[in-house]
Amino acid sequence: PSAQILAESEISTGVVIEPNSYVGYRAEVGEGTHVHAGSQLDHHSVLKPYVTVNPGVILAGNVLIGSHSQLNMGALVSNRIELGDFTVVGAGSTVLESFPLGHVRLLGTPARPG
């Protein structure tokens, strides 16, 4: 099995993308980011440097994830959402609104600061 990375995407240095992952059209993956197996980064999504995307995470299109953030297993981030630096999204959580200031833990469905 292999990852599917569309040609128009931008992958920085030091990035790890594991098997069965998908990086969509014009997605940008920042330096030192780790995309674990089975994750999906849809079109125009941007991951700033040093983000951890754990297995089974889905980012809908036009998502911005701030640096040093962590998206835990099975999390879903809806379309056109912005999460600031140092944000942690709990396993299985669904993010339906932006939290651009960062330094927040988001838990539940819909995800709320916790």
N, C-alpha and C. Protein backbone atom coordinates (compact mmCIF):
# COMPACT_ATOMS: atom_id res chain seq x y z
N PRO A 1 0.84 -1.20 0.00
CA PRO A 1 0.00 0.00 0.00
C PRO A 1 0.87 1.25 0.00
N SER A 2 0.35 2.29 -0.59
CA SER A 2 1.14 3.52 -0.66
C SER A 2 0.25 4.73 -0.44
N ALA A 3 0.88 5.85 -0.17
CA ALA A 3 0.15 7.10 -0.01
C ALA A 3 -0.17 7.66 -1.38
N GLN A 4 -1.25 8.42 -1.47
CA GLN A 4 -1.59 9.10 -2.71
C GLN A 4 -1.37 10.59 -2.48
N ILE A 5 -0.41 11.15 -3.21
CA ILE A 5 -0.05 12.56 -3.06
C ILE A 5 -0.21 13.21 -4.44
N LEU A 6 -1.17 14.10 -4.57
CA LEU A 6 -1.41 14.73 -5.85
C LEU A 6 -0.25 15.64 -6.23
N ALA A 7 0.04 15.71 -7.50
CA ALA A 7 1.21 16.44 -8.00
C ALA A 7 1.20 17.92 -7.63
N GLU A 8 0.05 18.52 -7.50
CA GLU A 8 -0.03 19.95 -7.20
C GLU A 8 0.17 20.29 -5.73
N SER A 9 0.30 19.28 -4.88
CA SER A 9 0.50 19.55 -3.45
C SER A 9 1.94 19.96 -3.19
N GLU A 10 2.16 20.62 -2.04
CA GLU A 10 3.49 21.08 -1.65
C GLU A 10 3.89 20.40 -0.36
N ILE A 11 4.98 19.63 -0.41
CA ILE A 11 5.47 18.89 0.74
C ILE A 11 6.82 19.47 1.13
N SER A 12 6.95 19.98 2.36
CA SER A 12 8.21 20.56 2.84
C SER A 12 9.20 19.46 3.24
N THR A 13 10.36 19.90 3.70
CA THR A 13 11.40 18.95 4.11
C THR A 13 11.06 18.31 5.45
N GLY A 14 11.58 17.12 5.66
CA GLY A 14 11.42 16.43 6.94
C GLY A 14 10.02 15.94 7.22
N VAL A 15 9.20 15.79 6.19
CA VAL A 15 7.81 15.33 6.35
C VAL A 15 7.77 13.81 6.22
N VAL A 16 6.96 13.18 7.07
CA VAL A 16 6.72 11.74 6.98
C VAL A 16 5.25 11.55 6.63
N ILE A 17 5.00 10.84 5.53
CA ILE A 17 3.63 10.50 5.14
C ILE A 17 3.56 8.99 5.03
N GLU A 18 2.75 8.39 5.89
CA GLU A 18 2.67 6.93 5.97
C GLU A 18 1.70 6.36 4.94
N PRO A 19 1.74 5.02 4.74
CA PRO A 19 0.89 4.37 3.75
C PRO A 19 -0.60 4.63 3.96
N ASN A 20 -1.33 4.52 2.85
CA ASN A 20 -2.79 4.67 2.82
C ASN A 20 -3.26 6.07 3.20
N SER A 21 -2.38 7.05 3.11
CA SER A 21 -2.77 8.44 3.34
C SER A 21 -3.04 9.11 2.01
N TYR A 22 -3.79 10.22 2.07
CA TYR A 22 -4.15 10.97 0.87
C TYR A 22 -3.85 12.44 1.11
N VAL A 23 -3.10 13.05 0.19
CA VAL A 23 -2.81 14.49 0.24
C VAL A 23 -3.40 15.08 -1.04
N GLY A 24 -4.42 15.91 -0.88
CA GLY A 24 -5.21 16.38 -2.01
C GLY A 24 -4.63 17.56 -2.77
N TYR A 25 -5.40 17.98 -3.76
CA TYR A 25 -5.05 19.05 -4.67
C TYR A 25 -4.67 20.33 -3.93
N ARG A 26 -3.47 20.82 -4.20
CA ARG A 26 -2.94 22.05 -3.64
C ARG A 26 -2.88 22.07 -2.11
N ALA A 27 -2.82 20.92 -1.49
CA ALA A 27 -2.59 20.86 -0.05
C ALA A 27 -1.13 21.21 0.22
N GLU A 28 -0.87 21.80 1.39
CA GLU A 28 0.49 22.17 1.79
C GLU A 28 0.80 21.52 3.12
N VAL A 29 1.93 20.81 3.17
CA VAL A 29 2.33 20.11 4.39
C VAL A 29 3.66 20.71 4.86
N GLY A 30 3.65 21.32 6.04
CA GLY A 30 4.80 22.04 6.57
C GLY A 30 5.91 21.14 7.09
N GLU A 31 7.06 21.73 7.24
CA GLU A 31 8.29 21.06 7.69
C GLU A 31 8.06 20.26 8.96
N GLY A 32 8.63 19.05 9.01
CA GLY A 32 8.61 18.24 10.22
C GLY A 32 7.26 17.65 10.57
N THR A 33 6.31 17.72 9.67
CA THR A 33 4.97 17.19 9.94
C THR A 33 4.95 15.68 9.74
N HIS A 34 4.14 15.00 10.55
CA HIS A 34 4.00 13.54 10.45
C HIS A 34 2.54 13.22 10.18
N VAL A 35 2.27 12.63 9.02
CA VAL A 35 0.93 12.21 8.63
C VAL A 35 0.89 10.69 8.75
N HIS A 36 0.16 10.20 9.74
CA HIS A 36 0.11 8.76 10.01
C HIS A 36 -0.81 8.05 9.02
N ALA A 37 -0.75 6.73 9.04
CA ALA A 37 -1.46 5.87 8.10
C ALA A 37 -2.96 6.15 8.06
N GLY A 38 -3.50 6.14 6.84
CA GLY A 38 -4.94 6.25 6.65
C GLY A 38 -5.53 7.62 6.86
N SER A 39 -4.72 8.65 6.87
CA SER A 39 -5.23 10.01 7.05
C SER A 39 -5.54 10.65 5.70
N GLN A 40 -6.41 11.65 5.72
CA GLN A 40 -6.85 12.30 4.49
C GLN A 40 -6.78 13.81 4.65
N LEU A 41 -5.98 14.46 3.80
CA LEU A 41 -5.85 15.91 3.79
C LEU A 41 -6.43 16.39 2.47
N ASP A 42 -7.63 16.91 2.47
CA ASP A 42 -8.29 17.27 1.22
C ASP A 42 -7.77 18.58 0.65
N HIS A 43 -8.33 18.96 -0.48
CA HIS A 43 -7.88 20.10 -1.29
C HIS A 43 -7.67 21.39 -0.50
N HIS A 44 -6.62 22.08 -0.84
CA HIS A 44 -6.27 23.39 -0.30
C HIS A 44 -6.10 23.42 1.21
N SER A 45 -5.91 22.27 1.84
CA SER A 45 -5.64 22.26 3.28
C SER A 45 -4.18 22.62 3.52
N VAL A 46 -3.92 23.31 4.64
CA VAL A 46 -2.57 23.75 4.97
C VAL A 46 -2.23 23.27 6.37
N LEU A 47 -1.13 22.54 6.48
CA LEU A 47 -0.59 22.14 7.78
C LEU A 47 0.70 22.92 7.98
N LYS A 48 0.75 23.75 9.00
CA LYS A 48 1.96 24.49 9.32
C LYS A 48 3.01 23.52 9.87
N PRO A 49 4.23 23.97 10.13
CA PRO A 49 5.29 23.05 10.56
C PRO A 49 4.98 22.31 11.87
N TYR A 50 5.49 21.08 11.92
CA TYR A 50 5.50 20.23 13.11
C TYR A 50 4.11 19.85 13.62
N VAL A 51 3.22 19.53 12.69
CA VAL A 51 1.90 19.04 13.03
C VAL A 51 1.94 17.52 13.04
N THR A 52 1.21 16.91 13.97
CA THR A 52 1.07 15.45 14.00
C THR A 52 -0.37 15.12 13.65
N VAL A 53 -0.54 14.34 12.57
CA VAL A 53 -1.85 13.88 12.14
C VAL A 53 -1.87 12.37 12.37
N ASN A 54 -2.59 11.96 13.40
CA ASN A 54 -2.62 10.55 13.77
C ASN A 54 -3.52 9.74 12.84
N PRO A 55 -3.50 8.39 12.93
CA PRO A 55 -4.23 7.55 11.98
C PRO A 55 -5.72 7.88 11.88
N GLY A 56 -6.21 7.84 10.62
CA GLY A 56 -7.64 7.98 10.38
C GLY A 56 -8.21 9.38 10.47
N VAL A 57 -7.38 10.39 10.56
CA VAL A 57 -7.86 11.77 10.63
C VAL A 57 -8.31 12.21 9.24
N ILE A 58 -9.41 12.97 9.18
CA ILE A 58 -9.89 13.52 7.91
C ILE A 58 -9.99 15.03 8.04
N LEU A 59 -9.30 15.73 7.13
CA LEU A 59 -9.41 17.18 7.02
C LEU A 59 -10.15 17.48 5.73
N ALA A 60 -11.33 18.08 5.84
CA ALA A 60 -12.06 18.48 4.64
C ALA A 60 -11.30 19.62 3.98
N GLY A 61 -11.74 20.08 2.85
CA GLY A 61 -11.01 21.09 2.10
C GLY A 61 -10.90 22.43 2.80
N ASN A 62 -9.86 23.18 2.43
CA ASN A 62 -9.63 24.54 2.91
C ASN A 62 -9.47 24.63 4.43
N VAL A 63 -8.78 23.68 5.02
CA VAL A 63 -8.54 23.65 6.46
C VAL A 63 -7.13 24.18 6.72
N LEU A 64 -6.97 24.99 7.76
CA LEU A 64 -5.66 25.49 8.18
C LEU A 64 -5.39 24.99 9.59
N ILE A 65 -4.28 24.28 9.76
CA ILE A 65 -3.88 23.76 11.07
C ILE A 65 -2.57 24.44 11.47
N GLY A 66 -2.57 25.11 12.62
CA GLY A 66 -1.41 25.84 13.11
C GLY A 66 -0.26 24.92 13.51
N SER A 67 0.91 25.50 13.63
CA SER A 67 2.12 24.73 13.94
C SER A 67 2.03 24.06 15.31
N HIS A 68 2.77 22.95 15.43
CA HIS A 68 2.88 22.17 16.66
C HIS A 68 1.53 21.65 17.16
N SER A 69 0.56 21.52 16.28
CA SER A 69 -0.75 20.99 16.67
C SER A 69 -0.76 19.48 16.54
N GLN A 70 -1.73 18.85 17.21
CA GLN A 70 -1.87 17.40 17.16
C GLN A 70 -3.32 17.05 16.95
N LEU A 71 -3.58 16.26 15.90
CA LEU A 71 -4.92 15.78 15.59
C LEU A 71 -4.93 14.29 15.88
N ASN A 72 -5.70 13.89 16.87
CA ASN A 72 -5.65 12.51 17.32
C ASN A 72 -6.57 11.59 16.52
N MET A 73 -6.40 10.31 16.71
CA MET A 73 -6.97 9.26 15.89
C MET A 73 -8.45 9.46 15.60
N GLY A 74 -8.78 9.42 14.29
CA GLY A 74 -10.17 9.47 13.86
C GLY A 74 -10.84 10.83 13.96
N ALA A 75 -10.10 11.88 14.24
CA ALA A 75 -10.69 13.22 14.31
C ALA A 75 -11.14 13.67 12.92
N LEU A 76 -12.18 14.49 12.88
CA LEU A 76 -12.70 15.04 11.63
C LEU A 76 -12.74 16.55 11.76
N VAL A 77 -12.15 17.25 10.79
CA VAL A 77 -12.18 18.71 10.78
C VAL A 77 -12.95 19.13 9.54
N SER A 78 -14.06 19.82 9.74
CA SER A 78 -14.95 20.21 8.66
C SER A 78 -14.31 21.24 7.73
N ASN A 79 -14.95 21.48 6.61
CA ASN A 79 -14.49 22.40 5.58
C ASN A 79 -14.36 23.84 6.10
N ARG A 80 -13.31 24.54 5.67
CA ARG A 80 -13.07 25.96 5.95
C ARG A 80 -12.90 26.26 7.44
N ILE A 81 -12.18 25.40 8.14
CA ILE A 81 -11.91 25.57 9.57
C ILE A 81 -10.46 25.98 9.75
N GLU A 82 -10.22 26.87 10.73
CA GLU A 82 -8.86 27.29 11.08
C GLU A 82 -8.62 26.96 12.55
N LEU A 83 -7.53 26.23 12.79
CA LEU A 83 -7.10 25.92 14.16
C LEU A 83 -5.73 26.53 14.36
N GLY A 84 -5.55 27.25 15.46
CA GLY A 84 -4.29 27.94 15.73
C GLY A 84 -3.19 27.02 16.21
N ASP A 85 -2.03 27.62 16.46
CA ASP A 85 -0.85 26.89 16.92
C ASP A 85 -1.12 26.16 18.24
N PHE A 86 -0.47 25.01 18.41
CA PHE A 86 -0.51 24.22 19.64
C PHE A 86 -1.92 23.73 20.00
N THR A 87 -2.77 23.51 19.01
CA THR A 87 -4.10 22.96 19.25
C THR A 87 -4.03 21.44 19.29
N VAL A 88 -4.78 20.85 20.21
CA VAL A 88 -4.88 19.38 20.30
C VAL A 88 -6.34 19.02 20.10
N VAL A 89 -6.61 18.15 19.13
CA VAL A 89 -7.97 17.67 18.88
C VAL A 89 -8.04 16.23 19.36
N GLY A 90 -9.00 15.95 20.23
CA GLY A 90 -9.13 14.62 20.81
C GLY A 90 -9.55 13.56 19.81
N ALA A 91 -9.24 12.32 20.12
CA ALA A 91 -9.58 11.19 19.26
C ALA A 91 -11.09 11.15 19.03
N GLY A 92 -11.48 10.98 17.76
CA GLY A 92 -12.88 10.85 17.41
C GLY A 92 -13.68 12.13 17.45
N SER A 93 -13.05 13.25 17.73
CA SER A 93 -13.76 14.53 17.81
C SER A 93 -14.08 15.06 16.42
N THR A 94 -15.15 15.87 16.34
CA THR A 94 -15.55 16.50 15.08
C THR A 94 -15.51 18.01 15.27
N VAL A 95 -14.63 18.67 14.54
CA VAL A 95 -14.46 20.12 14.66
C VAL A 95 -15.32 20.81 13.60
N LEU A 96 -16.30 21.61 14.06
CA LEU A 96 -17.23 22.27 13.16
C LEU A 96 -17.10 23.78 13.16
N GLU A 97 -16.22 24.32 14.02
CA GLU A 97 -15.99 25.77 14.04
C GLU A 97 -14.52 26.05 14.26
N SER A 98 -14.09 27.24 13.85
CA SER A 98 -12.68 27.62 13.95
C SER A 98 -12.30 28.03 15.36
N PHE A 99 -11.04 27.76 15.71
CA PHE A 99 -10.42 28.20 16.96
C PHE A 99 -9.04 28.73 16.60
N PRO A 100 -8.99 29.92 15.97
CA PRO A 100 -7.74 30.42 15.39
C PRO A 100 -6.68 30.87 16.39
N LEU A 101 -7.03 31.07 17.66
CA LEU A 101 -6.05 31.56 18.63
C LEU A 101 -5.12 30.47 19.13
N GLY A 102 -5.52 29.21 19.01
CA GLY A 102 -4.65 28.10 19.39
C GLY A 102 -4.54 27.89 20.88
N HIS A 103 -3.56 27.07 21.27
CA HIS A 103 -3.33 26.69 22.67
C HIS A 103 -4.62 26.17 23.31
N VAL A 104 -5.36 25.34 22.59
CA VAL A 104 -6.63 24.84 23.09
C VAL A 104 -6.72 23.33 22.86
N ARG A 105 -7.42 22.64 23.75
CA ARG A 105 -7.73 21.22 23.56
C ARG A 105 -9.19 21.14 23.17
N LEU A 106 -9.48 20.45 22.08
CA LEU A 106 -10.85 20.32 21.59
C LEU A 106 -11.29 18.87 21.72
N LEU A 107 -12.48 18.68 22.33
CA LEU A 107 -12.97 17.33 22.60
C LEU A 107 -14.45 17.22 22.25
N GLY A 108 -14.86 16.07 21.75
CA GLY A 108 -16.27 15.76 21.55
C GLY A 108 -16.77 16.05 20.14
N THR A 109 -18.10 15.84 20.00
CA THR A 109 -18.78 16.07 18.74
C THR A 109 -20.06 16.83 19.01
N PRO A 110 -20.15 18.09 18.65
CA PRO A 110 -19.08 18.89 18.04
C PRO A 110 -18.01 19.22 19.07
N ALA A 111 -16.80 19.42 18.59
CA ALA A 111 -15.66 19.67 19.49
C ALA A 111 -15.79 21.00 20.20
N ARG A 112 -15.50 20.96 21.48
CA ARG A 112 -15.52 22.16 22.35
C ARG A 112 -14.24 22.18 23.17
N PRO A 113 -13.81 23.35 23.60
CA PRO A 113 -12.62 23.40 24.47
C PRO A 113 -12.85 22.58 25.73
N GLY A 114 -11.84 21.81 26.09
CA GLY A 114 -11.99 20.97 27.28
C GLY A 114 -10.75 20.92 28.12
